Protein backbone atom coordinates (compact mmCIF):
# COMPACT_ATOMS: atom_id res chain seq x y z
CA MET A 1 123.39 104.25 109.99
CA ASN A 2 121.05 106.94 109.03
CA HIS A 3 122.64 108.19 105.79
CA LYS A 4 121.78 107.09 102.42
CA ASN A 5 124.64 105.15 100.94
CA SER A 6 126.54 104.85 103.89
CA LEU A 7 128.49 101.50 104.75
CA THR A 8 128.87 99.83 108.07
CA ILE A 9 130.80 96.71 109.05
CA TYR A 10 129.81 94.64 111.60
CA GLY A 11 132.46 91.67 111.57
CA ASN A 12 132.28 89.65 108.50
CA MET A 13 129.04 91.60 107.39
CA GLN A 14 128.98 94.65 105.58
CA VAL A 15 125.57 96.84 105.81
CA LYS A 16 124.96 99.55 103.29
CA THR A 17 122.02 101.87 103.36
CA GLU A 18 120.67 102.02 99.72
CA ASN A 19 117.97 103.92 99.86
CA MET A 20 116.14 105.78 102.58
CA GLU A 21 112.29 106.94 101.81
CA SER A 22 109.69 108.89 103.84
CA MET A 23 106.28 107.74 103.09
CA GLY A 24 104.51 110.43 105.73
CA ALA A 25 103.60 108.23 108.69
CA PHE A 26 106.29 105.68 107.93
CA ASP A 27 109.88 105.54 106.48
CA VAL A 28 111.25 102.87 104.35
CA THR A 29 114.87 102.07 104.46
CA THR A 30 116.51 99.71 101.94
CA PHE A 31 119.88 97.85 102.99
CA VAL A 32 122.06 95.53 101.19
CA LEU A 33 123.86 93.20 103.46
CA LYS A 34 126.92 91.19 102.15
CA ASN A 35 129.40 88.48 104.10
CA SER A 36 132.52 89.77 103.02
CA GLN A 37 133.89 86.11 103.41
CA GLU A 38 131.47 85.02 100.67
CA SER A 39 131.41 85.54 97.04
CA ASP A 40 129.31 88.22 95.80
CA THR A 41 126.15 87.12 97.20
CA THR A 42 123.95 89.96 98.83
CA LYS A 43 120.66 90.12 100.36
CA VAL A 44 118.37 93.03 100.07
CA VAL A 45 116.25 94.14 103.22
CA ARG A 46 113.45 96.61 103.36
CA HIS A 47 113.01 97.80 106.61
CA PHE A 48 109.26 99.45 107.44
CA ARG A 49 109.20 101.86 110.50
CA PHE A 50 106.10 103.23 111.49
CA THR A 51 106.84 106.55 112.64
CA ASN A 52 103.56 108.03 113.96
CA TRP A 53 102.83 106.14 116.84
CA PRO A 54 102.06 108.47 119.66
CA ASP A 55 103.65 108.04 123.33
CA LYS A 56 100.24 107.71 124.46
CA GLY A 57 96.91 106.65 122.47
CA PHE A 58 96.88 105.37 118.88
CA PRO A 59 98.22 106.51 115.59
CA ASP A 60 95.47 107.87 112.90
CA VAL A 61 93.81 104.47 111.42
CA LYS A 62 94.03 105.43 107.89
CA GLU A 63 97.84 105.89 108.43
CA PHE A 64 98.27 102.57 110.12
CA VAL A 65 96.23 100.76 107.18
CA GLU A 66 98.40 102.47 104.49
CA PHE A 67 101.72 101.24 106.56
CA ILE A 68 100.17 97.54 106.81
CA GLN A 69 99.29 97.57 102.99
CA SER A 70 102.60 98.87 102.27
CA VAL A 71 104.40 95.95 104.23
CA ASP A 72 101.76 93.34 102.51
CA LYS A 73 102.90 94.76 99.07
CA ALA A 74 106.27 94.35 99.80
CA ARG A 75 105.49 90.69 101.09
CA LEU A 76 103.95 89.64 97.90
CA GLU A 77 106.53 91.39 95.74
CA ASN A 78 109.28 88.99 97.23
CA ARG A 79 107.64 86.16 98.99
CA LYS A 80 110.98 84.32 99.63
CA SER A 81 111.84 87.01 102.19
CA PRO A 82 110.48 86.72 105.63
CA THR A 83 108.57 89.64 107.21
CA VAL A 84 109.76 90.66 110.55
CA VAL A 85 107.48 92.72 113.04
CA HIS A 86 109.03 94.41 116.16
CA CYS A 87 108.18 97.23 118.69
CA LYS A 88 109.84 98.06 122.26
CA ASP A 89 108.39 95.37 124.02
CA GLY A 90 107.23 92.73 121.12
CA GLN A 91 103.80 92.79 122.49
CA GLY A 92 101.66 95.64 122.33
CA TYR A 93 102.23 97.33 118.77
CA THR A 94 103.88 94.23 117.32
CA GLY A 95 100.62 92.37 118.21
CA VAL A 96 98.33 95.02 116.21
CA ALA A 97 100.62 95.03 113.31
CA ILE A 98 100.45 91.44 113.00
CA ALA A 99 97.02 90.93 113.71
CA SER A 100 96.03 93.78 111.31
CA ASP A 101 98.33 92.08 108.61
CA ILE A 102 96.69 88.71 108.88
CA GLY A 103 93.40 90.23 108.64
CA LEU A 104 94.13 92.18 105.53
CA ARG A 105 95.40 88.74 104.03
CA VAL A 106 92.13 86.99 104.94
CA TYR A 107 90.10 89.91 103.37
CA ASN A 108 92.08 90.18 100.26
CA GLU A 109 92.61 86.27 100.03
CA SER A 110 88.85 85.62 100.33
CA ASP A 111 88.13 87.98 97.71
CA LYS A 112 86.89 90.47 100.28
CA LYS A 113 84.16 88.26 101.75
CA SER A 114 85.83 87.03 104.71
CA MET A 115 87.15 88.44 107.91
CA VAL A 116 89.55 86.92 110.60
CA ASP A 117 88.61 86.23 113.93
CA VAL A 118 90.47 88.56 115.90
CA PHE A 119 90.34 87.07 119.31
CA ASP A 120 91.26 83.54 117.89
CA CYS A 121 93.72 84.96 115.77
CA VAL A 122 95.52 86.73 119.06
CA ASN A 123 95.00 83.45 120.94
CA LYS A 124 97.17 81.56 118.08
CA MET A 125 99.73 84.39 118.20
CA ARG A 126 100.12 83.93 121.91
CA LYS A 127 101.43 80.61 121.54
CA ASP A 128 104.56 81.92 120.27
CA ARG A 129 104.41 85.37 122.20
CA HIS A 130 102.97 85.70 125.74
CA ASN A 131 100.61 88.86 126.56
CA ILE A 132 100.73 89.86 122.87
CA VAL A 133 97.93 92.30 122.32
CA SER A 134 97.33 92.52 126.06
CA SER A 135 94.53 95.30 126.71
CA LYS A 136 91.22 95.99 125.57
CA ASP A 137 92.43 99.22 123.68
CA LEU A 138 94.50 97.44 121.46
CA TYR A 139 91.71 94.93 120.76
CA LYS A 140 89.82 98.17 119.92
CA TYR A 141 92.30 99.50 117.56
CA ILE A 142 92.58 96.19 115.70
CA PHE A 143 88.96 96.33 115.15
CA LYS A 144 89.09 99.95 114.05
CA VAL A 145 91.90 99.04 111.43
CA LEU A 146 90.04 96.04 109.84
CA LYS A 147 86.89 98.01 109.79
CA THR A 148 88.69 100.39 107.71
CA ILE A 149 90.13 97.85 105.53
CA THR A 150 86.68 96.59 104.86
CA ASP A 151 84.89 99.89 104.60
CA THR A 152 87.25 100.95 101.61
CA GLY A 153 87.84 97.42 100.01
CA SER A 154 91.30 97.98 100.86
CA THR A 155 93.90 96.14 98.80
CA SER A 156 97.72 96.39 98.95
CA ASP A 157 97.91 98.92 96.38
CA SER A 158 99.73 101.54 97.98
CA LYS A 159 102.23 104.11 97.40
CA LEU A 160 105.24 101.89 97.08
């Protein structure tokens, strides 16, 4: 499914691509899900896909901060919907995204007076996902992301 207004059926589930928007370093696709065996109940899912993570190295920190802020803003707009984060192996980049998101939340919810303890945060995440954030370079990148957030006084006021 990669076309706006396309409809794909998976068993009883209908998935319509409602909207696709390129935000520079990431894309946002809005899907409408419907179970054909139920009444008119639908569920809207917004999929955020960071597209600028290189095969080797790390993306531009400001682009990644903008991505994290946009996901956070969408979460705040619809608190009943869960946020799902994934990458190829569910460890490296996923861990960076989750730790950065937690850092942004702690910073914003403390009125920009507090920052997350990254090592403690990752250790807690490892209770659910073994080996998440498994290299020193991933830790360094998380610190760069959080430093950018604090240096700019960043909030979730992004393009969305």
